[in-house]
PDB file of all heavy atoms in Angstrom:
ATOM      1  N   ILE A   1      61.158 329.081  16.749  1.00  0.00           N
ATOM      2  CA  ILE A   1      61.647 330.447  16.970  1.00  0.00           C
ATOM      3  C   ILE A   1      61.256 330.909  18.374  1.00  0.00           C
ATOM      4  O   ILE A   1      62.073 331.493  19.098  1.00  0.00           O
ATOM      5  CB  ILE A   1      61.109 331.411  15.887  1.00  0.00           C
ATOM      6  CG1 ILE A   1      61.725 331.060  14.528  1.00  0.00           C
ATOM      7  CG2 ILE A   1      61.386 332.869  16.258  1.00  0.00           C
ATOM      8  CD1 ILE A   1      61.068 331.746  13.337  1.00  0.00           C
ATOM      9  N   ASP A   2      60.040 330.615  18.791  1.00  0.00           N
ATOM     10  CA  ASP A   2      59.592 330.987  20.136  1.00  0.00           C
ATOM     11  C   ASP A   2      60.402 330.268  21.214  1.00  0.00           C
ATOM     12  O   ASP A   2      60.739 330.864  22.238  1.00  0.00           O
ATOM     13  CB  ASP A   2      58.103 330.682  20.310  1.00  0.00           C
ATOM     14  CG  ASP A   2      57.215 331.611  19.496  1.00  0.00           C
ATOM     15  OD1 ASP A   2      57.686 332.682  19.073  1.00  0.00           O
ATOM     16  OD2 ASP A   2      56.038 331.242  19.270  1.00  0.00           O
ATOM     17  N   ILE A   3      60.712 329.005  20.994  1.00  0.00           N
ATOM     18  CA  ILE A   3      61.509 328.243  21.958  1.00  0.00           C
ATOM     19  C   ILE A   3      62.897 328.868  22.095  1.00  0.00           C
ATOM     20  O   ILE A   3      63.392 329.064  23.211  1.00  0.00           O
ATOM     21  CB  ILE A   3      61.610 326.754  21.536  1.00  0.00           C
ATOM     22  CG1 ILE A   3      60.244 326.072  21.678  1.00  0.00           C
ATOM     23  CG2 ILE A   3      62.671 326.019  22.358  1.00  0.00           C
ATOM     24  CD1 ILE A   3      60.134 324.733  20.952  1.00  0.00           C
ATOM     25  N   ILE A   4      63.518 329.197  20.981  1.00  0.00           N
ATOM     26  CA  ILE A   4      64.841 329.837  21.016  1.00  0.00           C
ATOM     27  C   ILE A   4      64.752 331.169  21.743  1.00  0.00           C
ATOM     28  O   ILE A   4      65.608 331.506  22.563  1.00  0.00           O
ATOM     29  CB  ILE A   4      65.398 330.010  19.590  1.00  0.00           C
ATOM     30  CG1 ILE A   4      65.714 328.642  18.975  1.00  0.00           C
ATOM     31  CG2 ILE A   4      66.639 330.909  19.594  1.00  0.00           C
ATOM     32  CD1 ILE A   4      65.978 328.684  17.481  1.00  0.00           C
ATOM     33  N   SER A   5      63.712 331.926  21.472  1.00  0.00           N
ATOM     34  CA  SER A   5      63.514 333.222  22.120  1.00  0.00           C
ATOM     35  C   SER A   5      63.351 333.067  23.629  1.00  0.00           C
ATOM     36  O   SER A   5      63.904 333.841  24.405  1.00  0.00           O
ATOM     37  CB  SER A   5      62.290 333.915  21.529  1.00  0.00           C
ATOM     38  OG  SER A   5      62.046 335.133  22.181  1.00  0.00           O
ATOM     39  N   ASP A   6      62.591 332.058  24.028  1.00  0.00           N
ATOM     40  CA  ASP A   6      62.305 331.848  25.455  1.00  0.00           C
ATOM     41  C   ASP A   6      63.478 331.249  26.224  1.00  0.00           C
ATOM     42  O   ASP A   6      63.716 331.620  27.370  1.00  0.00           O
ATOM     43  CB  ASP A   6      61.097 330.920  25.629  1.00  0.00           C
ATOM     44  CG  ASP A   6      59.807 331.543  25.137  1.00  0.00           C
ATOM     45  OD1 ASP A   6      59.764 332.772  24.923  1.00  0.00           O
ATOM     46  OD2 ASP A   6      58.831 330.780  24.930  1.00  0.00           O
ATOM     47  N   ALA A   7      64.200 330.300  25.612  1.00  0.00           N
ATOM     48  CA  ALA A   7      65.176 329.531  26.387  1.00  0.00           C
ATOM     49  C   ALA A   7      66.518 329.306  25.700  1.00  0.00           C
ATOM     50  O   ALA A   7      67.360 328.597  26.230  1.00  0.00           O
ATOM     51  CB  ALA A   7      64.556 328.195  26.769  1.00  0.00           C
ATOM     52  N   GLY A   8      66.733 329.846  24.520  1.00  0.00           N
ATOM     53  CA  GLY A   8      68.021 329.713  23.851  1.00  0.00           C
ATOM     54  C   GLY A   8      68.096 328.536  22.887  1.00  0.00           C
ATOM     55  O   GLY A   8      67.226 327.665  22.875  1.00  0.00           O
ATOM     56  N   LEU A   9      69.148 328.538  22.098  1.00  0.00           N
ATOM     57  CA  LEU A   9      69.335 327.518  21.064  1.00  0.00           C
ATOM     58  C   LEU A   9      69.417 326.096  21.631  1.00  0.00           C
ATOM     59  O   LEU A   9      68.897 325.158  21.038  1.00  0.00           O
ATOM     60  CB  LEU A   9      70.615 327.796  20.269  1.00  0.00           C
ATOM     61  CG  LEU A   9      70.556 328.890  19.231  1.00  0.00           C
ATOM     62  CD1 LEU A   9      71.943 329.171  18.678  1.00  0.00           C
ATOM     63  CD2 LEU A   9      69.612 328.519  18.114  1.00  0.00           C
ATOM     64  N   GLU A  10      70.086 325.954  22.765  1.00  0.00           N
ATOM     65  CA  GLU A  10      70.276 324.616  23.326  1.00  0.00           C
ATOM     66  C   GLU A  10      68.974 323.958  23.770  1.00  0.00           C
ATOM     67  O   GLU A  10      68.908 322.744  23.935  1.00  0.00           O
ATOM     68  CB  GLU A  10      71.286 324.637  24.479  1.00  0.00           C
ATOM     69  CG  GLU A  10      70.841 325.396  25.714  1.00  0.00           C
ATOM     70  CD  GLU A  10      70.929 326.913  25.603  1.00  0.00           C
ATOM     71  OE1 GLU A  10      71.574 327.434  24.677  1.00  0.00           O
ATOM     72  OE2 GLU A  10      70.324 327.588  26.462  1.00  0.00           O
ATOM     73  N   SER A  11      67.941 324.733  23.923  1.00  0.00           N
ATOM     74  CA  SER A  11      66.644 324.189  24.356  1.00  0.00           C
ATOM     75  C   SER A  11      65.805 323.661  23.193  1.00  0.00           C
ATOM     76  O   SER A  11      64.749 323.074  23.408  1.00  0.00           O
ATOM     77  CB  SER A  11      65.854 325.254  25.110  1.00  0.00           C
ATOM     78  OG  SER A  11      65.565 326.324  24.240  1.00  0.00           O
ATOM     79  N   LEU A  12      66.278 323.837  21.976  1.00  0.00           N
ATOM     80  CA  LEU A  12      65.515 323.400  20.812  1.00  0.00           C
ATOM     81  C   LEU A  12      65.685 321.894  20.615  1.00  0.00           C
ATOM     82  O   LEU A  12      66.721 321.433  20.149  1.00  0.00           O
ATOM     83  CB  LEU A  12      65.960 324.153  19.557  1.00  0.00           C
ATOM     84  CG  LEU A  12      65.118 323.927  18.315  1.00  0.00           C
ATOM     85  CD1 LEU A  12      63.706 324.462  18.511  1.00  0.00           C
ATOM     86  CD2 LEU A  12      65.760 324.589  17.105  1.00  0.00           C
ATOM     87  N   THR A  13      64.669 321.148  21.003  1.00  0.00           N
ATOM     88  CA  THR A  13      64.670 319.695  20.836  1.00  0.00           C
ATOM     89  C   THR A  13      63.340 319.274  20.223  1.00  0.00           C
ATOM     90  O   THR A  13      62.339 319.994  20.345  1.00  0.00           O
ATOM     91  CB  THR A  13      64.843 318.958  22.181  1.00  0.00           C
ATOM     92  OG1 THR A  13      63.695 319.228  23.007  1.00  0.00           O
ATOM     93  CG2 THR A  13      66.123 319.379  22.903  1.00  0.00           C
ATOM     94  N   ILE A  14      63.338 318.126  19.595  1.00  0.00           N
ATOM     95  CA  ILE A  14      62.108 317.617  18.977  1.00  0.00           C
ATOM     96  C   ILE A  14      61.007 317.416  20.025  1.00  0.00           C
ATOM     97  O   ILE A  14      59.858 317.819  19.794  1.00  0.00           O
ATOM     98  CB  ILE A  14      62.380 316.321  18.162  1.00  0.00           C
ATOM     99  CG1 ILE A  14      63.369 316.600  17.026  1.00  0.00           C
ATOM    100  CG2 ILE A  14      61.076 315.720  17.648  1.00  0.00           C
ATOM    101  CD1 ILE A  14      62.926 317.578  15.959  1.00  0.00           C
ATOM    102  N   PRO A  15      61.308 316.823  21.202  1.00  0.00           N
ATOM    103  CA  PRO A  15      60.234 316.677  22.206  1.00  0.00           C
ATOM    104  C   PRO A  15      59.629 318.013  22.652  1.00  0.00           C
ATOM    105  O   PRO A  15      58.414 318.126  22.822  1.00  0.00           O
ATOM    106  CB  PRO A  15      60.927 315.965  23.376  1.00  0.00           C
ATOM    107  CG  PRO A  15      62.068 315.231  22.750  1.00  0.00           C
ATOM    108  CD  PRO A  15      62.529 316.106  21.619  1.00  0.00           C
ATOM    109  N   ILE A  16      60.470 319.037  22.805  1.00  0.00           N
ATOM    110  CA  ILE A  16      59.951 320.352  23.226  1.00  0.00           C
ATOM    111  C   ILE A  16      59.119 320.968  22.104  1.00  0.00           C
ATOM    112  O   ILE A  16      58.060 321.543  22.355  1.00  0.00           O
ATOM    113  CB  ILE A  16      61.100 321.279  23.682  1.00  0.00           C
ATOM    114  CG1 ILE A  16      61.691 320.743  24.993  1.00  0.00           C
ATOM    115  CG2 ILE A  16      60.616 322.709  23.845  1.00  0.00           C
ATOM    116  CD1 ILE A  16      62.922 321.483  25.483  1.00  0.00           C
ATOM    117  N   ILE A  17      59.589 320.829  20.880  1.00  0.00           N
ATOM    118  CA  ILE A  17      58.809 321.334  19.741  1.00  0.00           C
ATOM    119  C   ILE A  17      57.468 320.618  19.681  1.00  0.00           C
ATOM    120  O   ILE A  17      56.423 321.243  19.462  1.00  0.00           O
ATOM    121  CB  ILE A  17      59.579 321.151  18.411  1.00  0.00           C
ATOM    122  CG1 ILE A  17      60.852 321.998  18.416  1.00  0.00           C
ATOM    123  CG2 ILE A  17      58.699 321.519  17.224  1.00  0.00           C
ATOM    124  CD1 ILE A  17      61.826 321.652  17.299  1.00  0.00           C
ATOM    125  N   SER A  18      57.478 319.317  19.901  1.00  0.00           N
ATOM    126  CA  SER A  18      56.247 318.522  19.878  1.00  0.00           C
ATOM    127  C   SER A  18      55.254 319.016  20.937  1.00  0.00           C
ATOM    128  O   SER A  18      54.064 319.189  20.647  1.00  0.00           O
ATOM    129  CB  SER A  18      56.578 317.041  20.108  1.00  0.00           C
ATOM    130  OG  SER A  18      55.409 316.279  20.184  1.00  0.00           O
ATOM    131  N   MET A  19      55.764 319.257  22.143  1.00  0.00           N
ATOM    132  CA  MET A  19      54.884 319.758  23.212  1.00  0.00           C
ATOM    133  C   MET A  19      54.341 321.145  22.874  1.00  0.00           C
ATOM    134  O   MET A  19      53.175 321.421  23.094  1.00  0.00           O
ATOM    135  CB  MET A  19      55.641 319.814  24.544  1.00  0.00           C
ATOM    136  CG  MET A  19      55.868 318.454  25.162  1.00  0.00           C
ATOM    137  SD  MET A  19      56.534 318.503  26.852  1.00  0.00           S
ATOM    138  CE  MET A  19      57.832 319.686  26.757  1.00  0.00           C
ATOM    139  N   ARG A  20      55.191 322.003  22.330  1.00  0.00           N
ATOM    140  CA  ARG A  20      54.796 323.381  22.034  1.00  0.00           C
ATOM    141  C   ARG A  20      53.766 323.445  20.904  1.00  0.00           C
ATOM    142  O   ARG A  20      52.901 324.295  20.903  1.00  0.00           O
ATOM    143  CB  ARG A  20      56.050 324.178  21.672  1.00  0.00           C
ATOM    144  CG  ARG A  20      55.885 325.664  21.507  1.00  0.00           C
ATOM    145  CD  ARG A  20      55.623 326.443  22.795  1.00  0.00           C
ATOM    146  NE  ARG A  20      56.731 326.589  23.663  1.00  0.00           N
ATOM    147  CZ  ARG A  20      57.469 327.687  23.787  1.00  0.00           C
ATOM    148  NH1 ARG A  20      57.222 328.738  23.050  1.00  0.00           N
ATOM    149  NH2 ARG A  20      58.442 327.723  24.649  1.00  0.00           N
ATOM    150  N   THR A  21      53.885 322.545  19.926  1.00  0.00           N
ATOM    151  CA  THR A  21      53.013 322.601  18.747  1.00  0.00           C
ATOM    152  C   THR A  21      51.835 321.638  18.820  1.00  0.00           C
ATOM    153  O   THR A  21      50.913 321.728  18.018  1.00  0.00           O
ATOM    154  CB  THR A  21      53.808 322.249  17.476  1.00  0.00           C
ATOM    155  OG1 THR A  21      54.353 320.932  17.627  1.00  0.00           O
ATOM    156  CG2 THR A  21      54.887 323.260  17.194  1.00  0.00           C
ATOM    157  N   ASN A  22      51.934 320.713  19.763  1.00  0.00           N
ATOM    158  CA  ASN A  22      50.939 319.639  19.844  1.00  0.00           C
ATOM    159  C   ASN A  22      50.938 318.788  18.558  1.00  0.00           C
ATOM    160  O   ASN A  22      49.907 318.321  18.101  1.00  0.00           O
ATOM    161  CB  ASN A  22      49.542 320.187  20.137  1.00  0.00           C
ATOM    162  CG  ASN A  22      48.638 319.129  20.739  1.00  0.00           C
ATOM    163  OD1 ASN A  22      49.105 318.140  21.301  1.00  0.00           O
ATOM    164  ND2 ASN A  22      47.338 319.315  20.597  1.00  0.00           N
ATOM    165  N   ILE A  23      52.134 318.658  17.991  1.00  0.00           N
ATOM    166  CA  ILE A  23      52.341 317.816  16.824  1.00  0.00           C
ATOM    167  C   ILE A  23      53.185 316.628  17.265  1.00  0.00           C
ATOM    168  O   ILE A  23      54.241 316.814  17.888  1.00  0.00           O
ATOM    169  CB  ILE A  23      53.058 318.579  15.685  1.00  0.00           C
ATOM    170  CG1 ILE A  23      52.198 319.752  15.191  1.00  0.00           C
ATOM    171  CG2 ILE A  23      53.395 317.642  14.525  1.00  0.00           C
ATOM    172  CD1 ILE A  23      52.902 320.654  14.187  1.00  0.00           C
ATOM    173  N   ASN A  24      52.767 315.442  16.941  1.00  0.00           N
ATOM    174  CA  ASN A  24      53.479 314.225  17.292  1.00  0.00           C
ATOM    175  C   ASN A  24      54.916 314.290  16.778  1.00  0.00           C
ATOM    176  O   ASN A  24      55.163 314.769  15.667  1.00  0.00           O
ATOM    177  CB  ASN A  24      52.715 313.039  16.671  1.00  0.00           C
ATOM    178  CG  ASN A  24      53.345 311.725  16.968  1.00  0.00           C
ATOM    179  OD1 ASN A  24      54.454 311.438  16.499  1.00  0.00           O
ATOM    180  ND2 ASN A  24      52.634 310.904  17.720  1.00  0.00           N
ATOM    181  N   GLU A  25      55.867 313.775  17.577  1.00  0.00           N
ATOM    182  CA  GLU A  25      57.276 313.803  17.189  1.00  0.00           C
ATOM    183  C   GLU A  25      57.514 313.137  15.832  1.00  0.00           C
ATOM    184  O   GLU A  25      58.305 313.615  15.033  1.00  0.00           O
ATOM    185  CB  GLU A  25      58.140 313.117  18.252  1.00  0.00           C
ATOM    186  CG  GLU A  25      58.282 313.932  19.518  1.00  0.00           C
ATOM    187  CD  GLU A  25      59.163 313.265  20.549  1.00  0.00           C
ATOM    188  OE1 GLU A  25      60.184 312.632  20.166  1.00  0.00           O
ATOM    189  OE2 GLU A  25      58.847 313.376  21.741  1.00  0.00           O
ATOM    190  N   MET A  26      56.831 312.031  15.577  1.00  0.00           N
ATOM    191  CA  MET A  26      57.007 311.337  14.295  1.00  0.00           C
ATOM    192  C   MET A  26      56.548 312.225  13.133  1.00  0.00           C
ATOM    193  O   MET A  26      57.136 312.190  12.055  1.00  0.00           O
ATOM    194  CB  MET A  26      56.247 310.005  14.277  1.00  0.00           C
ATOM    195  CG  MET A  26      56.817 308.975  15.256  1.00  0.00           C
ATOM    196  SD  MET A  26      58.608 308.756  15.100  1.00  0.00           S
ATOM    197  CE  MET A  26      58.719 308.037  13.488  1.00  0.00           C
ATOM    198  N   MET A  27      55.529 313.028  13.357  1.00  0.00           N
ATOM    199  CA  MET A  27      55.053 313.943  12.325  1.00  0.00           C
ATOM    200  C   MET A  27      56.087 315.047  12.082  1.00  0.00           C
ATOM    201  O   MET A  27      56.311 315.455  10.944  1.00  0.00           O
ATOM    202  CB  MET A  27      53.704 314.548  12.729  1.00  0.00           C
ATOM    203  CG  MET A  27      53.147 315.466  11.677  1.00  0.00           C
ATOM    204  SD  MET A  27      52.792 314.606  10.154  1.00  0.00           S
ATOM    205  CE  MET A  27      51.047 314.452  10.292  1.00  0.00           C
ATOM    206  N   ILE A  28      56.747 315.494  13.139  1.00  0.00           N
ATOM    207  CA  ILE A  28      57.802 316.499  12.983  1.00  0.00           C
ATOM    208  C   ILE A  28      58.921 315.937  12.105  1.00  0.00           C
ATOM    209  O   ILE A  28      59.429 316.619  11.216  1.00  0.00           O
ATOM    210  CB  ILE A  28      58.341 316.970  14.355  1.00  0.00           C
ATOM    211  CG1 ILE A  28      57.244 317.738  15.104  1.00  0.00           C
ATOM    212  CG2 ILE A  28      59.600 317.830  14.193  1.00  0.00           C
ATOM    213  CD1 ILE A  28      57.565 318.074  16.534  1.00  0.00           C
ATOM    214  N   TYR A  29      59.267 314.665  12.345  1.00  0.00           N
ATOM    215  CA  TYR A  29      60.315 314.031  11.544  1.00  0.00           C
ATOM    216  C   TYR A  29      59.896 313.852  10.078  1.00  0.00           C
ATOM    217  O   TYR A  29      60.740 313.686   9.209  1.00  0.00           O
ATOM    218  CB  TYR A  29      60.725 312.690  12.139  1.00  0.00           C
ATOM    219  CG  TYR A  29      61.609 312.832  13.354  1.00  0.00           C
ATOM    220  CD1 TYR A  29      61.163 312.446  14.611  1.00  0.00           C
ATOM    221  CD2 TYR A  29      62.896 313.368  13.236  1.00  0.00           C
ATOM    222  CE1 TYR A  29      61.971 312.580  15.727  1.00  0.00           C
ATOM    223  CE2 TYR A  29      63.703 313.506  14.348  1.00  0.00           C
ATOM    224  CZ  TYR A  29      63.244 313.112  15.592  1.00  0.00           C
ATOM    225  OH  TYR A  29      64.052 313.258  16.687  1.00  0.00           O
ATOM    226  N   LYS A  30      58.615 313.913   9.824  1.00  0.00           N
ATOM    227  CA  LYS A  30      58.145 313.860   8.436  1.00  0.00           C
ATOM    228  C   LYS A  30      58.589 315.111   7.670  1.00  0.00           C
ATOM    229  O   LYS A  30      58.877 315.055   6.481  1.00  0.00           O
ATOM    230  CB  LYS A  30      56.617 313.743   8.418  1.00  0.00           C
ATOM    231  CG  LYS A  30      56.014 313.758   7.031  1.00  0.00           C
ATOM    232  CD  LYS A  30      54.504 313.706   7.101  1.00  0.00           C
ATOM    233  CE  LYS A  30      53.930 313.936   5.708  1.00  0.00           C
ATOM    234  NZ  LYS A  30      52.530 314.201   5.704  1.00  0.00           N
TER     235      LYS A  30
END
C-alpha cells in the first residue's frame, strides 16, 4: 500500500516489496 501511495500501481513489484519489507522474495512467494 505504501509503495502504491509513493509511486503508483506500476511500481508494485516483488523485488521492491522485498526491499521495502526486508523479506526475501522467495518468502513473499510463500
